[in-house]
Protein backbone atom coordinates (compact mmCIF):
# COMPACT_ATOMS: atom_id res chain seq x y z
CA UNK A 1 92.86 132.29 98.91
CA UNK A 2 96.71 132.17 99.46
CA UNK A 3 98.21 128.76 99.53
CA UNK A 4 97.90 127.26 103.02
CA UNK A 5 102.18 125.61 102.03
CA UNK A 6 102.83 129.58 102.25
CA UNK A 7 104.19 128.82 98.58
CA UNK A 8 105.76 131.45 96.74
CA UNK A 9 103.48 129.80 93.39
CA UNK A 10 103.76 132.45 90.86
CA UNK A 11 101.53 135.13 89.48
CA UNK A 12 99.24 132.44 88.40
CA UNK A 13 100.08 129.94 91.12
CA UNK A 14 101.48 127.10 88.54
CA UNK A 15 105.08 127.27 90.19
CA UNK A 16 104.45 125.52 93.78
CA UNK A 17 108.00 125.48 95.30
CA UNK A 18 107.57 122.44 97.94
CA UNK A 19 106.15 119.30 98.29
CA UNK A 20 105.30 116.70 101.14
CA UNK A 21 108.44 114.00 101.13
CA UNK A 22 106.97 111.00 102.41
CA UNK A 23 108.71 110.89 106.10
CA UNK A 24 110.45 113.91 105.32
CA UNK A 25 107.59 116.34 105.57
CA UNK A 26 107.07 119.34 103.58
CA UNK A 27 110.69 119.92 101.59
CA UNK A 28 110.91 122.86 99.59
CA UNK A 29 111.59 120.88 95.73
CA UNK A 30 114.50 123.07 94.85
CA UNK A 31 116.86 121.25 97.87
CA UNK A 32 114.96 117.64 97.63
CA UNK A 33 117.04 115.38 94.83
CA UNK A 34 113.86 114.02 93.49
CA UNK A 35 112.19 114.84 90.16
CA UNK A 36 109.01 116.04 91.81
CA UNK A 37 105.95 117.72 90.33
CA UNK A 38 103.41 119.45 91.83
CA UNK A 39 99.79 120.85 90.67
CA UNK A 40 98.13 122.86 93.17
CA UNK A 41 94.43 124.07 93.38
CA UNK A 42 95.08 127.23 91.54
CA UNK A 43 95.99 125.27 88.58
CA UNK A 44 93.36 122.81 89.14
CA UNK A 45 90.31 125.55 89.03
CA UNK A 46 92.36 127.40 86.43
CA UNK A 47 91.96 123.83 83.68
CA UNK A 48 88.61 123.64 85.05
CA UNK A 49 90.20 119.51 85.60
CA UNK A 50 87.26 117.22 87.29
CA UNK A 51 89.59 114.18 86.77
CA UNK A 52 92.69 112.81 87.42
CA UNK A 53 93.72 112.28 83.76
CA UNK A 54 92.72 115.93 83.10
CA UNK A 55 95.73 116.58 85.25
CA UNK A 56 98.43 113.95 84.47
CA UNK A 57 98.62 115.06 81.09
CA UNK A 58 100.35 118.28 82.40
CA UNK A 59 102.89 116.87 84.10
CA UNK A 60 106.03 115.29 82.27
CA UNK A 61 106.22 111.07 81.99
CA UNK A 62 103.15 110.82 84.18
CA UNK A 63 100.29 109.39 82.00
CA UNK A 64 96.82 107.26 82.87
CA UNK A 65 97.33 103.49 82.14
CA UNK A 66 93.51 102.77 80.89
CA UNK A 67 93.03 99.72 81.31
CA UNK A 68 89.37 99.11 81.37
CA UNK A 69 89.00 102.88 81.14
CA UNK A 70 91.06 105.88 82.03
CA UNK A 71 88.65 106.14 85.41
CA UNK A 72 89.61 103.03 86.95
CA UNK A 73 93.30 103.28 85.40
CA UNK A 74 96.51 102.93 87.02
CA UNK A 75 98.20 106.50 87.16
CA UNK A 76 102.14 106.16 86.42
CA UNK A 77 105.58 107.90 85.40
CA UNK A 78 108.24 106.62 82.61
CA UNK A 79 106.18 104.15 81.41
CA UNK A 80 106.22 101.47 84.30
CA UNK A 81 102.60 100.11 85.29
CA UNK A 82 101.66 101.17 88.87
CA UNK A 83 100.62 99.21 91.82
CA UNK A 84 96.87 99.54 92.38
CA UNK A 85 97.62 100.47 96.42
CA UNK A 86 100.95 101.07 96.85
CA UNK A 87 101.79 104.06 94.39
CA UNK A 88 99.15 106.25 95.56
CA UNK A 89 98.46 107.74 98.82
CA UNK A 90 96.14 110.47 100.14
CA UNK A 91 98.14 112.89 102.86
CA UNK A 92 100.68 110.49 102.79
CA UNK A 93 98.61 107.07 103.52
CA UNK A 94 97.89 104.37 101.00
CA UNK A 95 94.89 104.70 99.66
CA UNK A 96 93.08 102.53 96.09
CA UNK A 97 94.34 103.87 92.66
CA UNK A 98 91.73 102.03 90.78
CA UNK A 99 88.87 104.06 91.16
CA UNK A 100 88.02 107.61 90.41
CA UNK A 101 89.63 110.22 92.02
CA UNK A 102 87.35 112.99 93.18
CA UNK A 103 89.79 116.13 92.48
CA UNK A 104 87.50 118.89 93.54
CA UNK A 105 88.72 117.35 97.01
CA UNK A 106 92.13 117.59 96.50
CA UNK A 107 94.13 120.86 97.32
CA UNK A 108 97.20 119.77 95.86
CA UNK A 109 98.64 116.78 93.74
CA UNK A 110 101.92 115.98 94.30
CA UNK A 111 104.23 113.56 91.71
CA UNK A 112 107.54 111.77 92.58
CA UNK A 113 109.06 110.06 89.37
CA UNK A 114 111.03 107.52 89.67
CA UNK A 115 112.00 104.68 92.89
CA UNK A 116 110.50 105.72 96.00
CA UNK A 117 111.00 102.76 97.77
CA UNK A 118 113.58 104.01 100.68
CA UNK A 119 110.86 106.75 101.60
CA UNK A 120 107.45 105.21 101.02
CA UNK A 121 108.00 101.28 101.50
CA UNK A 122 107.82 98.74 98.16
CA UNK A 123 106.24 100.05 95.20
CA UNK A 124 106.42 99.68 91.33
CA UNK A 125 109.46 101.88 89.70
CA UNK A 126 105.97 103.90 88.39
CA UNK A 127 106.24 106.81 90.30
CA UNK A 128 104.64 107.84 93.75
CA UNK A 129 101.22 109.77 93.29
CA UNK A 130 100.51 112.05 96.60
CA UNK A 131 96.56 113.80 96.96
CA UNK A 132 96.99 116.32 99.87
CA UNK A 133 93.37 116.86 100.78
CA UNK A 134 91.51 120.85 101.17
CA UNK A 135 92.17 121.89 104.91
CA UNK A 136 90.28 124.27 106.80
CA UNK A 137 91.03 127.84 106.11
CA UNK A 138 91.89 130.90 108.66
CA UNK A 139 89.45 133.12 107.57
CA UNK A 140 85.95 132.26 106.12
CA UNK A 141 86.01 130.86 102.53
CA UNK A 142 83.34 129.59 100.16
CA UNK A 143 83.00 129.21 96.85
CA UNK A 144 80.52 128.28 94.25
CA UNK A 145 81.23 127.01 90.56
CA UNK A 146 79.05 125.59 88.08
CA UNK A 147 79.28 124.34 84.38
CA UNK A 148 77.38 123.52 81.19
CA UNK A 149 77.99 123.25 77.90
CA UNK A 150 75.60 122.23 74.98
CA UNK A 151 74.24 118.64 75.09
CA UNK A 152 76.69 118.02 78.15
CA UNK A 153 76.38 116.82 81.90
CA UNK A 154 75.57 120.29 84.72
CA UNK A 155 77.99 120.29 87.36
CA UNK A 156 77.34 122.14 90.60
CA UNK A 157 80.53 122.32 93.23
CA UNK A 158 80.69 124.26 96.80
CA UNK A 159 83.83 124.57 98.49
CA UNK A 160 83.44 126.25 102.26
CA UNK A 161 86.07 126.30 104.62
CA UNK A 162 86.65 128.83 107.85
CA UNK A 163 86.94 128.18 111.91
CA UNK A 164 84.30 128.42 114.57
CA UNK A 165 84.66 130.91 117.80
CA UNK A 166 87.25 133.41 118.36
CA UNK A 167 89.99 131.13 119.58
CA UNK A 168 89.54 129.21 116.39
CA UNK A 169 90.01 125.64 117.97
CA UNK A 170 87.55 124.21 115.33
CA UNK A 171 88.02 124.69 111.33
CA UNK A 172 86.35 123.11 109.01
CA UNK A 173 86.23 122.54 105.32
CA UNK A 174 83.63 121.38 103.28
CA UNK A 175 83.21 120.02 99.51
CA UNK A 176 79.68 119.37 97.81
CA UNK A 177 79.70 118.12 94.31
CA UNK A 178 76.75 117.44 91.85
CA UNK A 179 77.54 116.27 88.37
CA UNK A 180 74.73 114.60 86.20
CA UNK A 181 73.34 114.44 82.43
CA UNK A 182 74.34 113.34 79.13
CA UNK A 183 77.97 113.34 77.95
CA UNK A 184 79.67 112.88 74.38
CA UNK A 185 77.99 110.16 73.42
CA UNK A 186 74.05 110.47 72.80
CA UNK A 187 72.06 108.26 75.30
CA UNK A 188 74.97 108.06 77.18
CA UNK A 189 74.93 108.94 81.23
CA UNK A 190 77.25 110.85 83.48
CA UNK A 191 76.51 111.28 87.40
CA UNK A 192 79.12 112.31 90.04
CA UNK A 193 78.14 113.03 93.73
CA UNK A 194 80.59 114.01 96.52
CA UNK A 195 80.41 115.13 99.80
CA UNK A 196 83.71 115.26 101.74
CA UNK A 197 84.58 117.05 105.40
CA UNK A 198 87.90 118.07 106.57
CA UNK A 199 87.84 119.05 110.45
CA UNK A 200 91.06 120.53 112.14
CA UNK A 201 91.16 120.39 116.50
CA UNK A 202 93.57 122.64 118.15
CA UNK A 203 94.07 121.04 121.25
CA UNK A 204 97.10 123.46 121.88
CA UNK A 205 99.34 125.66 120.04
CA UNK A 206 101.57 122.48 119.92
CA UNK A 207 99.06 119.50 119.03
CA UNK A 208 96.45 119.20 116.53
CA UNK A 209 94.24 116.92 115.30
CA UNK A 210 93.13 116.37 111.43
CA UNK A 211 89.90 114.20 110.71
CA UNK A 212 88.32 113.65 107.27
CA UNK A 213 85.85 111.63 105.87
CA UNK A 214 84.43 111.48 102.20
CA UNK A 215 82.16 109.28 100.27
CA UNK A 216 81.98 109.82 96.30
CA UNK A 217 80.11 107.94 93.69
CA UNK A 218 80.78 108.07 89.97
CA UNK A 219 78.60 106.82 87.60
CA UNK A 220 79.84 106.49 83.57
CA UNK A 221 77.10 104.80 80.87
CA UNK A 222 76.97 104.91 77.17
CA UNK A 223 80.34 105.70 76.35
CA UNK A 224 82.84 103.54 73.85
CA UNK A 225 83.86 99.89 74.93
CA UNK A 226 86.86 98.39 74.27
CA UNK A 227 88.06 96.40 71.23
CA UNK A 228 89.95 93.43 71.40
CA UNK A 229 91.69 91.76 68.15
CA UNK A 230 94.26 88.76 67.69
CA UNK A 231 97.23 88.84 65.72
CA UNK A 232 95.96 88.42 62.48
CA UNK A 233 93.27 90.71 61.77
CA UNK A 234 94.82 94.01 60.43
CA UNK A 235 93.21 97.07 62.64
CA UNK A 236 91.16 99.76 60.61
CA UNK A 237 90.71 103.39 61.04
CA UNK A 238 90.12 104.88 63.94
CA UNK A 239 86.55 104.87 64.69
CA UNK A 240 84.05 108.13 65.80
CA UNK A 241 83.74 107.97 69.44
CA UNK A 242 80.90 110.12 69.66
CA UNK A 243 78.79 107.51 67.36
CA UNK A 244 76.17 105.22 69.35
CA UNK A 245 76.71 101.51 69.43
CA UNK A 246 80.51 101.15 70.04
CA UNK A 247 78.94 101.31 74.01
CA UNK A 248 76.03 100.39 75.35
CA UNK A 249 73.97 102.36 77.80
CA UNK A 250 73.88 99.11 80.41
CA UNK A 251 77.87 99.15 80.23
CA UNK A 252 80.03 101.22 81.57
CA UNK A 253 81.77 101.77 85.55
CA UNK A 254 79.56 102.52 88.71
CA UNK A 255 82.35 103.17 91.27
CA UNK A 256 81.67 104.06 94.92
CA UNK A 257 84.40 105.44 97.32
CA UNK A 258 84.46 105.95 100.95
CA UNK A 259 86.93 107.14 103.30
CA UNK A 260 87.87 107.90 106.40
CA UNK A 261 91.01 109.10 108.05
CA UNK A 262 92.27 110.51 110.97
CA UNK A 263 96.32 112.63 111.95
CA UNK A 264 97.69 113.54 115.15
CA UNK A 265 100.77 116.74 114.00
CA UNK A 266 102.14 117.30 117.54
CA UNK A 267 105.58 119.46 118.12
CA UNK A 268 107.12 118.83 121.00
CA UNK A 269 109.89 121.93 120.26
CA UNK A 270 111.15 123.86 117.27
CA UNK A 271 113.48 121.24 116.55
CA UNK A 272 111.44 117.86 116.93
CA UNK A 273 107.63 116.78 115.86
CA UNK A 274 105.83 113.74 115.59
CA UNK A 275 102.89 112.86 113.27
CA UNK A 276 100.74 109.87 112.70
CA UNK A 277 98.22 108.80 111.10
CA UNK A 278 95.20 106.15 110.12
CA UNK A 279 93.03 105.78 106.74
CA UNK A 280 90.41 103.09 106.34
CA UNK A 281 88.90 103.37 102.27
CA UNK A 282 86.34 101.02 100.79
CA UNK A 283 86.66 101.10 97.16
CA UNK A 284 83.04 99.09 95.38
CA UNK A 285 84.05 98.39 91.72
CA UNK A 286 80.87 97.37 89.33
CA UNK A 287 82.26 97.11 85.89
CA UNK A 288 79.59 96.00 83.32
CA UNK A 289 81.60 96.35 80.35
CA UNK A 290 81.04 95.20 76.63
CA UNK A 291 84.06 94.15 74.74
CA UNK A 292 83.89 94.71 70.48
CA UNK A 293 86.23 91.72 69.52
CA UNK A 294 87.25 92.14 65.74
CA UNK A 295 86.43 88.98 63.71
CA UNK A 296 88.02 90.73 59.86
CA UNK A 297 89.38 93.02 58.47
CA UNK A 298 86.85 95.19 57.17
CA UNK A 299 85.75 96.28 60.68
CA UNK A 300 83.32 93.62 61.46
CA UNK A 301 83.13 92.29 65.50
CA UNK A 302 80.87 90.37 68.10
CA UNK A 303 79.60 92.39 70.82
CA UNK A 304 79.56 90.51 74.16
CA UNK A 305 79.17 91.95 77.75
CA UNK A 306 80.88 90.88 81.26
CA UNK A 307 78.17 91.28 83.73
CA UNK A 308 80.62 91.12 86.71
CA UNK A 309 78.71 91.68 90.50
CA UNK A 310 80.44 94.47 92.04
CA UNK A 311 84.33 93.89 93.40
CA UNK A 312 85.45 95.61 96.53
CA UNK A 313 89.07 96.51 97.58
CA UNK A 314 89.73 97.57 101.03
CA UNK A 315 92.42 99.63 102.56
CA UNK A 316 93.57 100.01 105.88
CA UNK A 317 96.58 101.71 105.80
CA UNK A 318 98.71 103.62 108.44
CA UNK A 319 102.05 106.36 109.04
CA UNK A 320 103.82 107.52 111.97
CA UNK A 321 107.00 109.71 111.98
CA UNK A 322 109.59 111.35 114.66
CA UNK A 323 111.53 114.42 112.58
CA UNK A 324 114.23 115.98 114.38
CA UNK A 325 116.92 118.71 113.33
CA UNK A 326 120.51 118.85 114.76
CA UNK A 327 123.48 120.61 114.10
CA UNK A 328 126.92 118.43 114.74
CA UNK A 329 129.15 121.85 114.04
CA UNK A 330 128.62 123.65 111.36
CA UNK A 331 126.52 120.49 109.34
CA UNK A 332 122.43 120.22 109.44
CA UNK A 333 121.14 117.08 109.97
CA UNK A 334 117.56 116.43 109.68
CA UNK A 335 116.32 113.27 111.06
CA UNK A 336 113.53 110.87 110.70
CA UNK A 337 112.76 107.42 111.87
CA UNK A 338 109.43 106.43 111.29
CA UNK A 339 106.64 103.47 109.75
CA UNK A 340 104.37 103.36 107.11
CA UNK A 341 102.30 100.55 105.81
CA UNK A 342 98.70 98.87 105.04
CA UNK A 343 96.66 96.06 104.49
CA UNK A 344 94.58 95.52 101.70
CA UNK A 345 92.13 93.16 101.20
CA UNK A 346 90.66 92.20 98.11
CA UNK A 347 87.10 90.54 97.32
CA UNK A 348 85.69 89.16 94.52
CA UNK A 349 82.26 87.47 93.16
CA UNK A 350 81.66 83.90 94.72
CA UNK A 351 79.57 82.70 92.01
CA UNK A 352 81.29 83.03 87.76
CA UNK A 353 79.48 84.93 85.64
CA UNK A 354 79.49 83.87 82.38
CA UNK A 355 79.99 86.49 79.56
CA UNK A 356 76.29 87.46 77.82
CA UNK A 357 76.44 87.44 73.42
CA UNK A 358 74.97 90.21 71.88
CA UNK A 359 75.52 89.62 68.61
CA UNK A 360 77.29 90.74 65.54
CA UNK A 361 77.93 94.54 64.26
CA UNK A 362 80.71 96.58 62.19
CA UNK A 363 82.41 99.72 62.62
CA UNK A 364 80.84 101.01 59.73
CA UNK A 365 77.35 100.05 61.06
CA UNK A 366 77.59 99.50 65.03
CA UNK A 367 74.07 98.49 66.80
CA UNK A 368 72.85 99.79 69.90
CA UNK A 369 71.35 96.59 71.50
CA UNK A 370 68.62 96.37 74.35
CA UNK A 371 69.48 95.54 77.50
CA UNK A 372 70.00 91.61 78.12
CA UNK A 373 68.97 89.55 81.26
CA UNK A 374 70.83 88.50 83.28
CA UNK A 375 73.03 91.36 85.10
CA UNK A 376 73.12 91.23 88.50
CA UNK A 377 74.82 94.25 90.55
CA UNK A 378 75.09 92.93 93.72
CA UNK A 379 75.92 89.86 94.86
CA UNK A 380 77.71 87.36 96.96
CA UNK A 381 81.58 87.92 97.82
CA UNK A 382 84.98 86.34 99.56
CA UNK A 383 88.10 87.54 100.28
CA UNK A 384 90.23 86.34 98.05
CA UNK A 385 93.52 88.25 98.94
CA UNK A 386 94.91 89.88 101.92
CA UNK A 387 98.00 91.49 101.03
CA UNK A 388 100.06 93.33 104.08
CA UNK A 389 103.30 95.36 104.38
CA UNK A 390 104.66 97.50 106.96
CA UNK A 391 107.81 99.67 106.87
CA UNK A 392 110.20 101.13 109.16
CA UNK A 393 112.11 104.24 108.18
CA UNK A 394 115.66 106.18 109.20
CA UNK A 395 116.80 108.42 107.22
CA UNK A 396 119.46 111.84 107.27
CA UNK A 397 119.41 114.94 105.07
CA UNK A 398 122.52 116.52 105.62
CA UNK A 399 123.48 120.47 104.76
CA UNK A 400 126.87 120.61 104.52
CA UNK A 401 126.80 124.13 103.26
CA UNK A 402 124.05 126.65 101.34
CA UNK A 403 125.69 124.44 98.11
CA UNK A 404 125.87 120.98 99.14
CA UNK A 405 123.58 118.16 100.31
CA UNK A 406 122.96 114.75 100.76
CA UNK A 407 120.11 112.54 101.52
CA UNK A 408 120.31 109.17 102.73
CA UNK A 409 117.45 107.08 103.63
CA UNK A 410 117.13 103.27 104.07
CA UNK A 411 113.19 101.22 104.53
CA UNK A 412 113.14 97.51 106.02
CA UNK A 413 109.75 96.11 104.94
CA UNK A 414 107.46 93.16 105.97
CA UNK A 415 104.99 91.17 103.88
CA UNK A 416 102.63 89.31 104.55
CA UNK A 417 99.85 88.02 101.88
CA UNK A 418 97.54 85.46 102.26
CA UNK A 419 95.28 83.61 99.43
CA UNK A 420 91.96 82.27 99.74
CA UNK A 421 89.53 80.28 97.82
CA UNK A 422 86.28 80.44 97.81
CA UNK A 423 85.48 78.47 100.85
CA UNK A 424 87.34 80.59 103.02
CA UNK A 425 90.11 78.39 102.69
CA UNK A 426 94.13 79.53 102.78
CA UNK A 427 95.48 78.24 99.80
CA UNK A 428 98.58 80.20 99.80
CA UNK A 429 100.90 83.23 100.32
CA UNK A 430 104.53 83.67 101.63
CA UNK A 431 105.94 85.72 104.25
CA UNK A 432 109.23 87.84 103.31
CA UNK A 433 110.94 91.07 104.23
CA UNK A 434 113.57 93.06 102.50
CA UNK A 435 115.58 96.33 102.28
CA UNK A 436 115.30 99.39 99.88
CA UNK A 437 118.09 102.15 100.28
CA UNK A 438 118.60 105.57 98.53
CA UNK A 439 121.71 107.62 98.07
CA UNK A 440 120.92 111.20 96.99
CA UNK A 441 123.19 114.30 96.60
CA UNK A 442 122.31 118.12 95.42
CA UNK A 443 124.82 120.70 94.48
CA UNK A 444 124.08 124.05 92.76
CA UNK A 445 126.22 127.88 92.66
CA UNK A 446 122.59 129.89 92.71
CA UNK A 447 119.16 129.54 94.66
CA UNK A 448 117.34 128.81 91.26
CA UNK A 449 119.26 125.94 90.05
CA UNK A 450 120.37 122.47 91.14
CA UNK A 451 121.82 119.34 89.67
CA UNK A 452 120.77 116.11 90.81
CA UNK A 453 122.53 112.60 91.49
CA UNK A 454 120.18 110.24 92.84
CA UNK A 455 121.26 106.45 93.22
CA UNK A 456 117.48 104.60 94.84
CA UNK A 457 116.62 100.99 95.19
CA UNK A 458 113.59 99.29 95.90
CA UNK A 459 110.89 96.16 96.15
CA UNK A 460 107.99 95.97 95.03
CA UNK A 461 105.32 93.11 94.17
CA UNK A 462 104.64 91.79 90.46
CA UNK A 463 101.12 92.15 89.59
CA UNK A 464 99.81 89.31 87.60
CA UNK A 465 96.32 88.61 85.80
CA UNK A 466 94.81 84.72 86.81
CA UNK A 467 95.04 82.36 83.93
CA UNK A 468 92.37 80.42 85.73
CA UNK A 469 89.50 80.31 88.67
CA UNK A 470 91.59 78.65 90.99
CA UNK A 471 94.08 81.62 91.10
CA UNK A 472 91.74 84.58 90.52
CA UNK A 473 92.57 87.43 93.42
CA UNK A 474 96.19 85.90 93.87
CA UNK A 475 99.05 87.88 94.69
CA UNK A 476 102.68 87.18 93.71
CA UNK A 477 106.43 87.22 94.99
CA UNK A 478 108.92 90.69 95.07
CA UNK A 479 110.90 91.76 92.46
CA UNK A 480 113.61 94.12 92.59
CA UNK A 481 114.41 97.92 90.59
CA UNK A 482 117.26 100.00 90.75
CA UNK A 483 118.08 103.46 88.91
CA UNK A 484 120.28 106.21 88.12
CA UNK A 485 119.65 109.31 87.28
CA UNK A 486 121.14 112.82 87.05
CA UNK A 487 118.33 115.48 87.30
CA UNK A 488 118.89 119.05 86.85
CA UNK A 489 116.21 121.68 88.00
CA UNK A 490 115.68 125.21 87.54
CA UNK A 491 112.91 126.82 89.69
CA UNK A 492 111.84 130.76 89.56
CA UNK A 493 108.46 132.82 90.98
CA UNK A 494 107.60 132.33 86.81
CA UNK A 495 108.79 129.05 85.37
CA UNK A 496 110.30 125.38 86.38
CA UNK A 497 112.41 123.56 84.03
CA UNK A 498 112.96 120.46 85.35
CA UNK A 499 115.34 117.96 82.87
CA UNK A 500 115.61 114.34 83.84
CA UNK A 501 118.17 111.62 82.83
CA UNK A 502 118.11 108.20 83.87
CA UNK A 503 118.49 104.24 83.49
CA UNK A 504 116.14 102.24 85.48
CA UNK A 505 116.53 97.93 85.98
CA UNK A 506 113.96 95.72 86.91
CA UNK A 507 115.12 92.07 88.19
CA UNK A 508 112.52 89.96 87.78
CA UNK A 509 111.77 86.29 90.14
CA UNK A 510 111.26 82.85 88.13
CA UNK A 511 109.03 82.22 87.51
CA UNK A 512 106.75 84.58 86.64
CA UNK A 513 104.08 84.63 83.91
CA UNK A 514 103.53 87.76 81.75
CA UNK A 515 99.96 88.04 80.18
CA UNK A 516 98.98 89.68 77.35
CA UNK A 517 95.14 89.07 76.28
CA UNK A 518 94.01 88.39 72.79
CA UNK A 519 90.39 87.68 71.24
CA UNK A 520 90.49 83.88 71.84
CA UNK A 521 92.15 83.56 74.96
CA UNK A 522 95.73 84.23 76.60
CA UNK A 523 99.27 83.87 75.03
CA UNK A 524 101.45 83.09 77.80
CA UNK A 525 105.50 83.66 77.69
CA UNK A 526 108.39 82.83 80.85
CA UNK A 527 110.90 85.29 82.18
CA UNK A 528 113.79 83.73 84.04
CA UNK A 529 115.35 85.21 86.76
CA UNK A 530 118.26 86.28 85.14
CA UNK A 531 117.12 88.36 83.12
CA UNK A 532 116.82 92.13 83.27
CA UNK A 533 114.68 94.69 81.68
CA UNK A 534 116.31 98.36 81.03
CA UNK A 535 114.48 101.68 80.32
CA UNK A 536 116.41 104.54 79.11
CA UNK A 537 115.02 108.11 78.96
CA UNK A 538 115.64 112.06 78.73
CA UNK A 539 112.94 114.37 79.45
CA UNK A 540 113.04 118.26 79.52
CA UNK A 541 109.70 120.47 80.64
CA UNK A 542 109.33 123.83 80.88
CA UNK A 543 106.31 125.73 82.24
CA UNK A 544 105.85 129.53 82.82
CA UNK A 545 103.65 131.11 84.76
């Protein structure tokens, strides 16, 4: 089946030529002064990818911050920590990053490295991840796939699309997934269920309404837990992760994500168009985790269980953009006026659940413990924090000739953060606003390579872990980041070779607490507002079809 984006992706489909760039809509990557990586459906299916970490290893400078496990980690680029909501999008609208992603539902995964505050609003300088959902096909499409390996789970996936009626005014795309069985550890269990639907309603040849709904359940129990240690502990050799006892059958993840979204697209004429959308997502996360706290240099450790009640992230996001093309003489202007934003509510357990000690073991002799009493999945919750931001965006991409172009985009952001206690009483928060500009240029003497010189600045909120119950769920104030990076790029039908050299600066407000966990509590450090951290990097990657 051909790409719905009309890309010439090479013989194997591994080198897409375009990407969605926030309010700028779909752009050719060669003509866009951004460091963009795209993996499309052909690549995803060829690699039999079933999770986001399966794909990020093929993207330069991208990785998963596996805090608590890769399936609930934060995707990020260039070693910068991502935000749970600000840095991830589904069809251009903010979604929860710290839950399992239904890769089988996506047509493409697009990643922009570096600062993108001017295009998407305030976010961590960890890059921007945009998941593109599969859309209805022009003709009937049906694909069924399955897999099974010795001592592993059985997977069945159905992907069906098409249109109804001769006029093809109604299109559909349905994805069904079931995976269940054991993992690489004896006694472990993996269970995935997905049902998703994407529907296109063509009201006219100028107006399209997209409606989407999905429910994804991800369960993973019995896999190895994490090891905690203090400064005095010398780490032993890495243990065999397939050995029974480093994890427990009652420890793991139960992630349930429900998403509804809709978009309207209208073309006024060949030069002007409007796109608007809204998305609602609920991510319930039950994370009964086992910690193996090392107590000696010989590999002895104490097992304990943190039986947390299911927490909830709820996101309501929106986007609306007016795009147009005008000419001033021979100079082309691609204009955009738009807005994007979200409200992110964090629900925490109303009652504190104490850690349950399991017993002592060692790396040489791990122990599989019986299920303890006191594990509770469901319980009362309260809204600990409500985080809102709305962004106004104005931009102009100026094409001087076939060799030179420039991108000028700025966004102004409004923040509204509220923190609550267990009684629902407002205990703190803030309202702030700020400006994030970017100026980027492109030049080339041929149509296969182009050097770029972007100079973006962006705002972000600092993410911090609470030290006490009274601080749980609280959001903190803003930081500012800026960078400069020349980024030569070469693209052909058979290969892509981006090279990036960048310098990023991050300014931290005062006071801010940076916390690192240890086996016996937390270590605290203060960072002055005058301190600025800088990161230097140079990468060059080539991928051939």
